[in-house]
Amino acid sequence: MLANNSESSAMMSVWMKLGRLFDRLGDILVAVSTIMLLVMVVLMGIEIGYRTLFSASTQIADEYSGYLFTWMTLCCFLYAQRSDRFLRVDALRNRWSPRVRAAADGIASILSAGLTAVLLYATWATFRTSMEFNALSIQYSQTRLCIPQAIMPVGFALLLLAFVHSGITSLLQAMGYLPITAAIIPQQASYE
């Protein structure tokens, strides 16, 4: 019995470390997204200046800004999931007990993981097809499409893993194997 309890404790410790790894990776990806946003601002500034001064276009600003925007979005999905920033209607959820909320969160995370798996499959197929056919963009830059598309399956794979982790964690909380965290307990709004 004691060995089983220590194994369970070690497993929970590894599980919680995995959660902290996802949290840290989410923070890093937000920082990377911030840099990409700055690059996009500079790129658009150059395009505006070039058009103003020379009445011509760089021919790549729109295309590369679109790639950067997609990359920023996908990089921030992990952070949004881990910090509970995705949109959710809490009117009914906040009336439930913490264990029922944890169970609902777990089910929602597992269902979200299923949807994310479909997106992962679709973006992987798109990336793989672009690789196989050496597809190029129709824009002036003739960028190999697999390069900007590479982030999509990676981003959705990380999001899938994070949803699975959150789903299992919430279900373990609902069953009483893990303590209920403050994120499960709704914040009391102060109206002054």
N, C-alpha and C. Protein backbone atom coordinates (compact mmCIF):
# COMPACT_ATOMS: atom_id res chain seq x y z
N MET A 1 0.83 -1.20 0.00
CA MET A 1 0.00 0.00 0.00
C MET A 1 0.86 1.25 0.00
N LEU A 2 1.94 1.26 0.81
CA LEU A 2 2.81 2.42 0.90
C LEU A 2 3.55 2.66 -0.41
N ALA A 3 4.02 1.57 -1.04
CA ALA A 3 4.71 1.72 -2.33
C ALA A 3 3.76 2.30 -3.38
N ASN A 4 2.52 1.84 -3.36
CA ASN A 4 1.53 2.34 -4.31
C ASN A 4 1.27 3.82 -4.09
N ASN A 5 1.22 4.25 -2.81
CA ASN A 5 1.00 5.65 -2.49
C ASN A 5 2.18 6.52 -2.93
N SER A 6 3.41 6.03 -2.77
CA SER A 6 4.58 6.81 -3.19
C SER A 6 4.67 6.87 -4.72
N GLU A 7 4.28 5.78 -5.39
CA GLU A 7 4.23 5.80 -6.85
C GLU A 7 3.20 6.80 -7.35
N SER A 8 2.06 6.83 -6.67
CA SER A 8 1.01 7.78 -7.04
C SER A 8 1.48 9.21 -6.83
N SER A 9 2.18 9.45 -5.72
CA SER A 9 2.72 10.79 -5.44
C SER A 9 3.74 11.20 -6.49
N ALA A 10 4.60 10.27 -6.87
CA ALA A 10 5.61 10.56 -7.89
C ALA A 10 4.94 10.85 -9.23
N MET A 11 3.89 10.11 -9.55
CA MET A 11 3.17 10.32 -10.81
C MET A 11 2.50 11.69 -10.81
N MET A 12 1.89 12.08 -9.69
CA MET A 12 1.26 13.38 -9.59
C MET A 12 2.29 14.50 -9.69
N SER A 13 3.47 14.28 -9.12
CA SER A 13 4.54 15.27 -9.19
C SER A 13 4.98 15.49 -10.65
N VAL A 14 5.12 14.39 -11.37
CA VAL A 14 5.48 14.48 -12.79
C VAL A 14 4.37 15.18 -13.57
N TRP A 15 3.12 14.86 -13.23
CA TRP A 15 1.97 15.46 -13.91
C TRP A 15 1.94 16.97 -13.70
N MET A 16 2.21 17.40 -12.47
CA MET A 16 2.20 18.83 -12.16
C MET A 16 3.39 19.54 -12.82
N LYS A 17 4.54 18.87 -12.88
CA LYS A 17 5.70 19.44 -13.58
C LYS A 17 5.40 19.63 -15.06
N LEU A 18 4.68 18.68 -15.65
CA LEU A 18 4.28 18.80 -17.05
C LEU A 18 3.39 20.04 -17.23
N GLY A 19 2.49 20.27 -16.30
CA GLY A 19 1.65 21.45 -16.36
C GLY A 19 2.47 22.73 -16.28
N ARG A 20 3.47 22.76 -15.40
CA ARG A 20 4.34 23.94 -15.29
C ARG A 20 5.17 24.13 -16.56
N LEU A 21 5.56 23.02 -17.20
CA LEU A 21 6.28 23.11 -18.47
C LEU A 21 5.40 23.75 -19.54
N PHE A 22 4.14 23.34 -19.62
CA PHE A 22 3.21 23.96 -20.57
C PHE A 22 3.05 25.45 -20.26
N ASP A 23 2.95 25.79 -18.97
CA ASP A 23 2.80 27.20 -18.59
C ASP A 23 4.02 28.01 -19.03
N ARG A 24 5.19 27.48 -18.77
CA ARG A 24 6.44 28.17 -19.14
C ARG A 24 6.56 28.30 -20.66
N LEU A 25 6.25 27.23 -21.38
CA LEU A 25 6.30 27.26 -22.84
C LEU A 25 5.30 28.28 -23.39
N GLY A 26 4.13 28.37 -22.78
CA GLY A 26 3.15 29.38 -23.19
C GLY A 26 3.70 30.79 -23.01
N ASP A 27 4.38 31.04 -21.89
CA ASP A 27 4.99 32.36 -21.65
C ASP A 27 6.06 32.67 -22.70
N ILE A 28 6.87 31.68 -23.02
CA ILE A 28 7.92 31.87 -24.03
C ILE A 28 7.31 32.17 -25.39
N LEU A 29 6.26 31.43 -25.75
CA LEU A 29 5.63 31.65 -27.05
C LEU A 29 4.95 33.02 -27.14
N VAL A 30 4.44 33.53 -26.03
CA VAL A 30 3.89 34.89 -26.03
C VAL A 30 5.01 35.90 -26.28
N ALA A 31 6.17 35.68 -25.67
CA ALA A 31 7.32 36.58 -25.90
C ALA A 31 7.75 36.52 -27.37
N VAL A 32 7.77 35.33 -27.95
CA VAL A 32 8.11 35.18 -29.37
C VAL A 32 7.07 35.91 -30.22
N SER A 33 5.80 35.80 -29.84
CA SER A 33 4.73 36.50 -30.58
C SER A 33 4.89 38.01 -30.49
N THR A 34 5.35 38.49 -29.37
CA THR A 34 5.60 39.93 -29.22
C THR A 34 6.67 40.39 -30.19
N ILE A 35 7.71 39.61 -30.33
CA ILE A 35 8.77 39.94 -31.29
C ILE A 35 8.21 39.91 -32.71
N MET A 36 7.39 38.91 -33.00
CA MET A 36 6.79 38.84 -34.35
C MET A 36 5.89 40.04 -34.61
N LEU A 37 5.18 40.50 -33.59
CA LEU A 37 4.34 41.69 -33.75
C LEU A 37 5.19 42.91 -34.07
N LEU A 38 6.31 43.05 -33.38
CA LEU A 38 7.21 44.17 -33.66
C LEU A 38 7.77 44.08 -35.08
N VAL A 39 8.14 42.88 -35.52
CA VAL A 39 8.63 42.70 -36.89
C VAL A 39 7.54 43.08 -37.89
N MET A 40 6.29 42.70 -37.59
CA MET A 40 5.19 43.02 -38.49
C MET A 40 4.98 44.54 -38.55
N VAL A 41 5.07 45.22 -37.42
CA VAL A 41 4.93 46.67 -37.41
C VAL A 41 6.03 47.33 -38.24
N VAL A 42 7.26 46.87 -38.08
CA VAL A 42 8.38 47.41 -38.86
C VAL A 42 8.16 47.15 -40.34
N LEU A 43 7.75 45.93 -40.68
CA LEU A 43 7.50 45.58 -42.08
C LEU A 43 6.42 46.46 -42.70
N MET A 44 5.35 46.67 -41.97
CA MET A 44 4.28 47.53 -42.48
C MET A 44 4.73 48.99 -42.56
N GLY A 45 5.54 49.43 -41.59
CA GLY A 45 6.08 50.79 -41.64
C GLY A 45 6.96 51.01 -42.85
N ILE A 46 7.78 50.02 -43.16
CA ILE A 46 8.63 50.10 -44.36
C ILE A 46 7.76 50.17 -45.61
N GLU A 47 6.71 49.35 -45.64
CA GLU A 47 5.80 49.35 -46.79
C GLU A 47 5.13 50.72 -46.95
N ILE A 48 4.66 51.28 -45.86
CA ILE A 48 4.01 52.60 -45.92
C ILE A 48 4.99 53.67 -46.37
N GLY A 49 6.19 53.65 -45.80
CA GLY A 49 7.21 54.63 -46.19
C GLY A 49 7.62 54.48 -47.64
N TYR A 50 7.79 53.26 -48.09
CA TYR A 50 8.19 53.00 -49.47
C TYR A 50 7.12 53.47 -50.45
N ARG A 51 5.86 53.19 -50.11
CA ARG A 51 4.76 53.63 -50.98
C ARG A 51 4.67 55.16 -51.01
N THR A 52 4.87 55.77 -49.85
CA THR A 52 4.77 57.23 -49.76
C THR A 52 5.90 57.91 -50.52
N LEU A 53 7.12 57.44 -50.31
CA LEU A 53 8.29 58.10 -50.90
C LEU A 53 8.51 57.74 -52.36
N PHE A 54 8.25 56.51 -52.73
CA PHE A 54 8.60 56.05 -54.07
C PHE A 54 7.40 55.64 -54.93
N SER A 55 6.22 55.77 -54.41
CA SER A 55 5.00 55.37 -55.13
C SER A 55 5.10 53.95 -55.68
N ALA A 56 5.67 53.07 -54.88
CA ALA A 56 5.83 51.66 -55.27
C ALA A 56 5.61 50.79 -54.03
N SER A 57 5.60 49.49 -54.21
CA SER A 57 5.38 48.57 -53.11
C SER A 57 6.58 47.64 -52.94
N THR A 58 6.76 47.15 -51.72
CA THR A 58 7.82 46.16 -51.48
C THR A 58 7.42 44.79 -52.04
N GLN A 59 6.15 44.60 -52.30
CA GLN A 59 5.58 43.38 -52.86
C GLN A 59 5.54 42.20 -51.87
N ILE A 60 6.05 42.38 -50.67
CA ILE A 60 6.04 41.25 -49.73
C ILE A 60 5.39 41.58 -48.39
N ALA A 61 5.15 42.85 -48.11
CA ALA A 61 4.67 43.24 -46.78
C ALA A 61 3.34 42.59 -46.43
N ASP A 62 2.39 42.61 -47.34
CA ASP A 62 1.07 42.01 -47.05
C ASP A 62 1.18 40.51 -46.82
N GLU A 63 1.91 39.84 -47.68
CA GLU A 63 2.06 38.39 -47.57
C GLU A 63 2.73 38.00 -46.25
N TYR A 64 3.87 38.63 -45.96
CA TYR A 64 4.62 38.25 -44.77
C TYR A 64 3.92 38.70 -43.49
N SER A 65 3.16 39.79 -43.55
CA SER A 65 2.37 40.19 -42.39
C SER A 65 1.29 39.16 -42.10
N GLY A 66 0.71 38.59 -43.13
CA GLY A 66 -0.28 37.53 -42.95
C GLY A 66 0.35 36.30 -42.31
N TYR A 67 1.53 35.93 -42.76
CA TYR A 67 2.23 34.79 -42.15
C TYR A 67 2.51 35.07 -40.68
N LEU A 68 3.03 36.27 -40.40
CA LEU A 68 3.35 36.63 -39.02
C LEU A 68 2.10 36.64 -38.14
N PHE A 69 1.00 37.13 -38.67
CA PHE A 69 -0.25 37.16 -37.90
C PHE A 69 -0.69 35.73 -37.56
N THR A 70 -0.62 34.83 -38.53
CA THR A 70 -0.98 33.43 -38.28
C THR A 70 -0.06 32.81 -37.24
N TRP A 71 1.23 33.05 -37.37
CA TRP A 71 2.20 32.51 -36.41
C TRP A 71 1.93 33.05 -35.01
N MET A 72 1.67 34.35 -34.90
CA MET A 72 1.39 34.94 -33.58
C MET A 72 0.15 34.30 -32.96
N THR A 73 -0.88 34.13 -33.75
CA THR A 73 -2.12 33.54 -33.25
C THR A 73 -1.87 32.13 -32.73
N LEU A 74 -1.20 31.32 -33.52
CA LEU A 74 -0.96 29.93 -33.10
C LEU A 74 -0.02 29.84 -31.92
N CYS A 75 0.96 30.73 -31.85
CA CYS A 75 1.86 30.73 -30.69
C CYS A 75 1.13 31.11 -29.41
N CYS A 76 0.13 31.95 -29.52
CA CYS A 76 -0.60 32.41 -28.33
C CYS A 76 -1.72 31.47 -27.89
N PHE A 77 -2.07 30.49 -28.71
CA PHE A 77 -3.12 29.55 -28.31
C PHE A 77 -2.74 28.79 -27.04
N LEU A 78 -1.50 28.36 -26.92
CA LEU A 78 -1.08 27.61 -25.74
C LEU A 78 -1.23 28.47 -24.48
N TYR A 79 -0.77 29.70 -24.57
CA TYR A 79 -0.90 30.61 -23.42
C TYR A 79 -2.37 30.85 -23.09
N ALA A 80 -3.21 31.07 -24.09
CA ALA A 80 -4.63 31.31 -23.86
C ALA A 80 -5.29 30.11 -23.18
N GLN A 81 -4.92 28.92 -23.61
CA GLN A 81 -5.51 27.73 -23.01
C GLN A 81 -5.03 27.55 -21.57
N ARG A 82 -3.75 27.73 -21.34
CA ARG A 82 -3.20 27.50 -20.00
C ARG A 82 -3.64 28.57 -19.00
N SER A 83 -3.89 29.77 -19.47
CA SER A 83 -4.31 30.85 -18.55
C SER A 83 -5.82 31.04 -18.55
N ASP A 84 -6.55 30.12 -19.17
CA ASP A 84 -8.00 30.13 -19.18
C ASP A 84 -8.54 31.40 -19.82
N ARG A 85 -7.96 31.80 -20.97
CA ARG A 85 -8.35 33.03 -21.65
C ARG A 85 -9.24 32.82 -22.87
N PHE A 86 -9.55 31.57 -23.20
CA PHE A 86 -10.49 31.35 -24.29
C PHE A 86 -11.88 31.78 -23.83
N LEU A 87 -12.71 32.22 -24.76
CA LEU A 87 -14.05 32.67 -24.41
C LEU A 87 -14.87 31.52 -23.82
N ARG A 88 -15.62 31.87 -22.79
CA ARG A 88 -16.48 30.89 -22.15
C ARG A 88 -17.60 31.66 -21.47
N VAL A 89 -18.79 31.12 -21.49
CA VAL A 89 -19.92 31.74 -20.80
C VAL A 89 -20.03 31.08 -19.43
N ASP A 90 -19.84 31.88 -18.39
CA ASP A 90 -19.77 31.34 -17.03
C ASP A 90 -21.05 31.52 -16.22
N ALA A 91 -22.11 32.02 -16.81
CA ALA A 91 -23.33 32.32 -16.04
C ALA A 91 -23.83 31.09 -15.28
N LEU A 92 -23.90 29.95 -15.92
CA LEU A 92 -24.36 28.73 -15.28
C LEU A 92 -23.22 28.06 -14.51
N ARG A 93 -22.05 28.05 -15.09
CA ARG A 93 -20.90 27.38 -14.50
C ARG A 93 -20.58 27.91 -13.11
N ASN A 94 -20.68 29.20 -12.90
CA ASN A 94 -20.33 29.80 -11.61
C ASN A 94 -21.30 29.42 -10.49
N ARG A 95 -22.45 28.87 -10.83
CA ARG A 95 -23.43 28.44 -9.82
C ARG A 95 -23.17 27.02 -9.33
N TRP A 96 -22.30 26.31 -10.03
CA TRP A 96 -22.04 24.91 -9.67
C TRP A 96 -21.00 24.83 -8.56
N SER A 97 -20.97 23.68 -7.91
CA SER A 97 -19.95 23.44 -6.88
C SER A 97 -18.59 23.30 -7.57
N PRO A 98 -17.49 23.50 -6.83
CA PRO A 98 -16.16 23.39 -7.46
C PRO A 98 -15.91 22.04 -8.14
N ARG A 99 -16.40 20.96 -7.56
CA ARG A 99 -16.17 19.64 -8.18
C ARG A 99 -16.96 19.49 -9.49
N VAL A 100 -18.18 20.00 -9.52
CA VAL A 100 -18.98 19.94 -10.75
C VAL A 100 -18.33 20.83 -11.81
N ARG A 101 -17.85 22.01 -11.41
CA ARG A 101 -17.15 22.88 -12.36
C ARG A 101 -15.91 22.19 -12.92
N ALA A 102 -15.17 21.52 -12.04
CA ALA A 102 -13.97 20.80 -12.49
C ALA A 102 -14.34 19.71 -13.49
N ALA A 103 -15.44 18.98 -13.21
CA ALA A 103 -15.88 17.94 -14.14
C ALA A 103 -16.29 18.55 -15.48
N ALA A 104 -17.04 19.65 -15.44
CA ALA A 104 -17.45 20.32 -16.69
C ALA A 104 -16.24 20.83 -17.45
N ASP A 105 -15.27 21.41 -16.74
CA ASP A 105 -14.05 21.88 -17.39
C ASP A 105 -13.28 20.71 -18.02
N GLY A 106 -13.23 19.59 -17.32
CA GLY A 106 -12.55 18.42 -17.85
C GLY A 106 -13.19 17.91 -19.12
N ILE A 107 -14.51 17.82 -19.11
CA ILE A 107 -15.23 17.35 -20.30
C ILE A 107 -15.04 18.34 -21.45
N ALA A 108 -15.14 19.64 -21.14
CA ALA A 108 -14.96 20.66 -22.19
C ALA A 108 -13.54 20.59 -22.77
N SER A 109 -12.55 20.36 -21.92
CA SER A 109 -11.17 20.27 -22.41
C SER A 109 -10.96 19.05 -23.29
N ILE A 110 -11.55 17.93 -22.91
CA ILE A 110 -11.41 16.72 -23.72
C ILE A 110 -12.12 16.90 -25.07
N LEU A 111 -13.31 17.51 -25.06
CA LEU A 111 -14.00 17.79 -26.33
C LEU A 111 -13.19 18.77 -27.19
N SER A 112 -12.61 19.77 -26.54
CA SER A 112 -11.76 20.73 -27.27
C SER A 112 -10.53 20.04 -27.84
N ALA A 113 -10.00 19.08 -27.11
CA ALA A 113 -8.86 18.31 -27.62
C ALA A 113 -9.27 17.55 -28.88
N GLY A 114 -10.48 17.02 -28.90
CA GLY A 114 -10.96 16.32 -30.10
C GLY A 114 -11.05 17.26 -31.30
N LEU A 115 -11.61 18.45 -31.09
CA LEU A 115 -11.68 19.44 -32.18
C LEU A 115 -10.27 19.85 -32.62
N THR A 116 -9.39 20.03 -31.67
CA THR A 116 -8.02 20.42 -32.00
C THR A 116 -7.31 19.31 -32.77
N ALA A 117 -7.63 18.06 -32.46
CA ALA A 117 -7.05 16.93 -33.21
C ALA A 117 -7.47 16.99 -34.68
N VAL A 118 -8.72 17.37 -34.94
CA VAL A 118 -9.19 17.51 -36.32
C VAL A 118 -8.41 18.63 -37.02
N LEU A 119 -8.22 19.75 -36.33
CA LEU A 119 -7.46 20.86 -36.90
C LEU A 119 -6.00 20.47 -37.13
N LEU A 120 -5.44 19.72 -36.19
CA LEU A 120 -4.06 19.24 -36.35
C LEU A 120 -3.95 18.36 -37.59
N TYR A 121 -4.88 17.45 -37.77
CA TYR A 121 -4.86 16.57 -38.94
C TYR A 121 -4.95 17.39 -40.23
N ALA A 122 -5.88 18.35 -40.27
CA ALA A 122 -6.07 19.15 -41.48
C ALA A 122 -4.84 20.00 -41.80
N THR A 123 -4.26 20.62 -40.78
CA THR A 123 -3.09 21.47 -41.05
C THR A 123 -1.86 20.63 -41.37
N TRP A 124 -1.75 19.45 -40.77
CA TRP A 124 -0.64 18.56 -41.12
C TRP A 124 -0.78 18.10 -42.58
N ALA A 125 -2.00 17.77 -43.00
CA ALA A 125 -2.22 17.34 -44.39
C ALA A 125 -1.89 18.47 -45.36
N THR A 126 -2.26 19.69 -45.01
CA THR A 126 -1.94 20.84 -45.85
C THR A 126 -0.43 21.05 -45.94
N PHE A 127 0.23 20.98 -44.80
CA PHE A 127 1.69 21.13 -44.77
C PHE A 127 2.37 20.03 -45.58
N ARG A 128 1.94 18.80 -45.37
CA ARG A 128 2.53 17.66 -46.08
C ARG A 128 2.32 17.77 -47.59
N THR A 129 1.15 18.19 -48.01
CA THR A 129 0.87 18.37 -49.43
C THR A 129 1.77 19.46 -50.03
N SER A 130 1.93 20.55 -49.30
CA SER A 130 2.81 21.62 -49.78
C SER A 130 4.25 21.13 -49.91
N MET A 131 4.67 20.29 -48.99
CA MET A 131 6.02 19.71 -49.06
C MET A 131 6.15 18.79 -50.28
N GLU A 132 5.18 17.92 -50.47
CA GLU A 132 5.23 16.95 -51.55
C GLU A 132 5.26 17.61 -52.93
N PHE A 133 4.48 18.67 -53.09
CA PHE A 133 4.38 19.31 -54.39
C PHE A 133 5.26 20.55 -54.53
N ASN A 134 6.06 20.81 -53.48
CA ASN A 134 6.95 21.98 -53.50
C ASN A 134 6.16 23.24 -53.88
N ALA A 135 5.00 23.41 -53.23
CA ALA A 135 4.09 24.51 -53.56
C ALA A 135 4.71 25.86 -53.20
N LEU A 136 4.49 26.83 -54.08
CA LEU A 136 4.98 28.19 -53.88
C LEU A 136 3.81 29.14 -53.78
N SER A 137 4.00 30.24 -53.04
CA SER A 137 2.94 31.23 -52.95
C SER A 137 2.77 31.90 -54.31
N ILE A 138 1.58 32.44 -54.54
CA ILE A 138 1.32 33.12 -55.81
C ILE A 138 1.80 34.56 -55.78
N GLN A 139 2.34 34.97 -54.64
CA GLN A 139 2.82 36.34 -54.48
C GLN A 139 4.19 36.51 -55.13
N TYR A 140 4.65 37.74 -55.14
CA TYR A 140 5.93 38.11 -55.74
C TYR A 140 7.10 37.34 -55.13
N SER A 141 7.04 37.05 -53.84
CA SER A 141 8.17 36.40 -53.16
C SER A 141 8.36 34.94 -53.54
N GLN A 142 7.29 34.28 -54.03
CA GLN A 142 7.35 32.86 -54.38
C GLN A 142 7.84 32.01 -53.19
N THR A 143 7.37 32.33 -52.01
CA THR A 143 7.75 31.62 -50.78
C THR A 143 7.26 30.17 -50.85
N ARG A 144 8.11 29.24 -50.44
CA ARG A 144 7.67 27.85 -50.33
C ARG A 144 6.62 27.79 -49.24
N LEU A 145 5.42 27.36 -49.57
CA LEU A 145 4.29 27.42 -48.64
C LEU A 145 4.47 26.54 -47.40
N CYS A 146 5.30 25.53 -47.50
CA CYS A 146 5.50 24.68 -46.33
C CYS A 146 6.18 25.45 -45.20
N ILE A 147 6.93 26.50 -45.52
CA ILE A 147 7.62 27.27 -44.48
C ILE A 147 6.62 28.01 -43.59
N PRO A 148 5.73 28.84 -44.14
CA PRO A 148 4.77 29.49 -43.24
C PRO A 148 3.73 28.54 -42.67
N GLN A 149 3.49 27.41 -43.36
CA GLN A 149 2.49 26.45 -42.88
C GLN A 149 3.02 25.55 -41.76
N ALA A 150 4.32 25.51 -41.56
CA ALA A 150 4.91 24.59 -40.59
C ALA A 150 4.43 24.87 -39.17
N ILE A 151 4.18 26.12 -38.84
CA ILE A 151 3.79 26.46 -37.48
C ILE A 151 2.40 25.94 -37.14
N MET A 152 1.55 25.77 -38.14
CA MET A 152 0.16 25.39 -37.86
C MET A 152 0.05 24.02 -37.19
N PRO A 153 0.62 22.94 -37.73
CA PRO A 153 0.50 21.67 -37.02
C PRO A 153 1.26 21.67 -35.69
N VAL A 154 2.35 22.40 -35.61
CA VAL A 154 3.09 22.47 -34.35
C VAL A 154 2.25 23.16 -33.29
N GLY A 155 1.65 24.30 -33.65
CA GLY A 155 0.80 25.02 -32.71
C GLY A 155 -0.41 24.21 -32.26
N PHE A 156 -1.06 23.53 -33.20
CA PHE A 156 -2.22 22.72 -32.83
C PHE A 156 -1.81 21.48 -32.04
N ALA A 157 -0.63 20.93 -32.29
CA ALA A 157 -0.16 19.79 -31.49
C ALA A 157 0.07 20.21 -30.04
N LEU A 158 0.70 21.36 -29.84
CA LEU A 158 0.89 21.86 -28.47
C LEU A 158 -0.44 22.14 -27.80
N LEU A 159 -1.37 22.73 -28.53
CA LEU A 159 -2.69 23.01 -27.97
C LEU A 159 -3.41 21.72 -27.62
N LEU A 160 -3.31 20.72 -28.47
CA LEU A 160 -3.93 19.42 -28.20
C LEU A 160 -3.39 18.82 -26.90
N LEU A 161 -2.06 18.82 -26.75
CA LEU A 161 -1.46 18.27 -25.54
C LEU A 161 -1.89 19.05 -24.30
N ALA A 162 -1.98 20.37 -24.43
CA ALA A 162 -2.40 21.20 -23.30
C ALA A 162 -3.86 20.93 -22.93
N PHE A 163 -4.73 20.76 -23.92
CA PHE A 163 -6.13 20.44 -23.63
C PHE A 163 -6.25 19.09 -22.94
N VAL A 164 -5.49 18.10 -23.41
CA VAL A 164 -5.52 16.77 -22.78
C VAL A 164 -5.04 16.88 -21.34
N HIS A 165 -3.95 17.60 -21.13
CA HIS A 165 -3.42 17.76 -19.77
C HIS A 165 -4.44 18.45 -18.87
N SER A 166 -5.01 19.55 -19.35
CA SER A 166 -6.01 20.27 -18.55
C SER A 166 -7.25 19.43 -18.30
N GLY A 167 -7.67 18.68 -19.32
CA GLY A 167 -8.85 17.84 -19.16
C GLY A 167 -8.65 16.77 -18.11
N ILE A 168 -7.53 16.10 -18.17
CA ILE A 168 -7.26 15.04 -17.18
C ILE A 168 -7.08 15.65 -15.80
N THR A 169 -6.40 16.78 -15.71
CA THR A 169 -6.22 17.44 -14.41
C THR A 169 -7.57 17.82 -13.81
N SER A 170 -8.45 18.41 -14.62
CA SER A 170 -9.78 18.81 -14.12
C SER A 170 -10.59 17.59 -13.70
N LEU A 171 -10.51 16.51 -14.45
CA LEU A 171 -11.25 15.31 -14.08
C LEU A 171 -10.69 14.70 -12.79
N LEU A 172 -9.37 14.74 -12.62
CA LEU A 172 -8.78 14.27 -11.36
C LEU A 172 -9.22 15.15 -10.19
N GLN A 173 -9.35 16.45 -10.42
CA GLN A 173 -9.85 17.34 -9.38
C GLN A 173 -11.31 17.01 -9.05
N ALA A 174 -12.10 16.76 -10.08
CA ALA A 174 -13.52 16.44 -9.87
C ALA A 174 -13.69 15.15 -9.08
N MET A 175 -12.78 14.19 -9.27
CA MET A 175 -12.86 12.92 -8.56
C MET A 175 -12.18 12.97 -7.19
N GLY A 176 -11.54 14.10 -6.87
CA GLY A 176 -10.92 14.24 -5.55
C GLY A 176 -9.49 13.77 -5.46
N TYR A 177 -8.86 13.43 -6.59
CA TYR A 177 -7.47 12.98 -6.56
C TYR A 177 -6.48 14.14 -6.54
N LEU A 178 -6.91 15.30 -6.96
CA LEU A 178 -6.10 16.51 -6.91
C LEU A 178 -6.90 17.60 -6.22
N PRO A 179 -6.23 18.53 -5.54
CA PRO A 179 -6.97 19.62 -4.91
C PRO A 179 -7.57 20.56 -5.96
N ILE A 180 -8.70 21.16 -5.60
CA ILE A 180 -9.33 22.15 -6.47
C ILE A 180 -8.50 23.42 -6.41
N THR A 181 -8.12 23.95 -7.56
CA THR A 181 -7.30 25.16 -7.61
C THR A 181 -8.18 26.39 -7.62
N ALA A 182 -7.56 27.54 -7.40
CA ALA A 182 -8.29 28.81 -7.38
C ALA A 182 -8.93 29.12 -8.72
N ALA A 183 -8.36 28.59 -9.82
CA ALA A 183 -8.91 28.85 -11.15
C ALA A 183 -10.31 28.25 -11.30
N ILE A 184 -10.61 27.19 -10.56
CA ILE A 184 -11.91 26.54 -10.64
C ILE A 184 -12.96 27.34 -9.86
N ILE A 185 -12.53 28.02 -8.80
CA ILE A 185 -13.44 28.77 -7.95
C ILE A 185 -13.66 30.15 -8.56
N PRO A 186 -14.89 30.54 -8.85
CA PRO A 186 -15.12 31.83 -9.51
C PRO A 186 -14.73 33.01 -8.62
N GLN A 187 -14.27 34.05 -9.26
CA GLN A 187 -13.92 35.28 -8.55
C GLN A 187 -15.19 36.02 -8.20
N GLN A 188 -15.26 36.52 -7.00
CA GLN A 188 -16.40 37.32 -6.58
C GLN A 188 -16.21 38.74 -7.11
N ALA A 189 -17.13 39.20 -7.90
CA ALA A 189 -17.05 40.54 -8.45
C ALA A 189 -17.41 41.56 -7.37
N SER A 190 -16.65 42.61 -7.32
CA SER A 190 -16.98 43.68 -6.37
C SER A 190 -17.56 44.84 -7.14
N TYR A 191 -18.74 45.23 -6.76
CA TYR A 191 -19.42 46.32 -7.41
C TYR A 191 -19.47 47.49 -6.44
N GLU A 192 -18.64 48.47 -6.68
CA GLU A 192 -18.58 49.62 -5.79
C GLU A 192 -19.08 50.85 -6.48
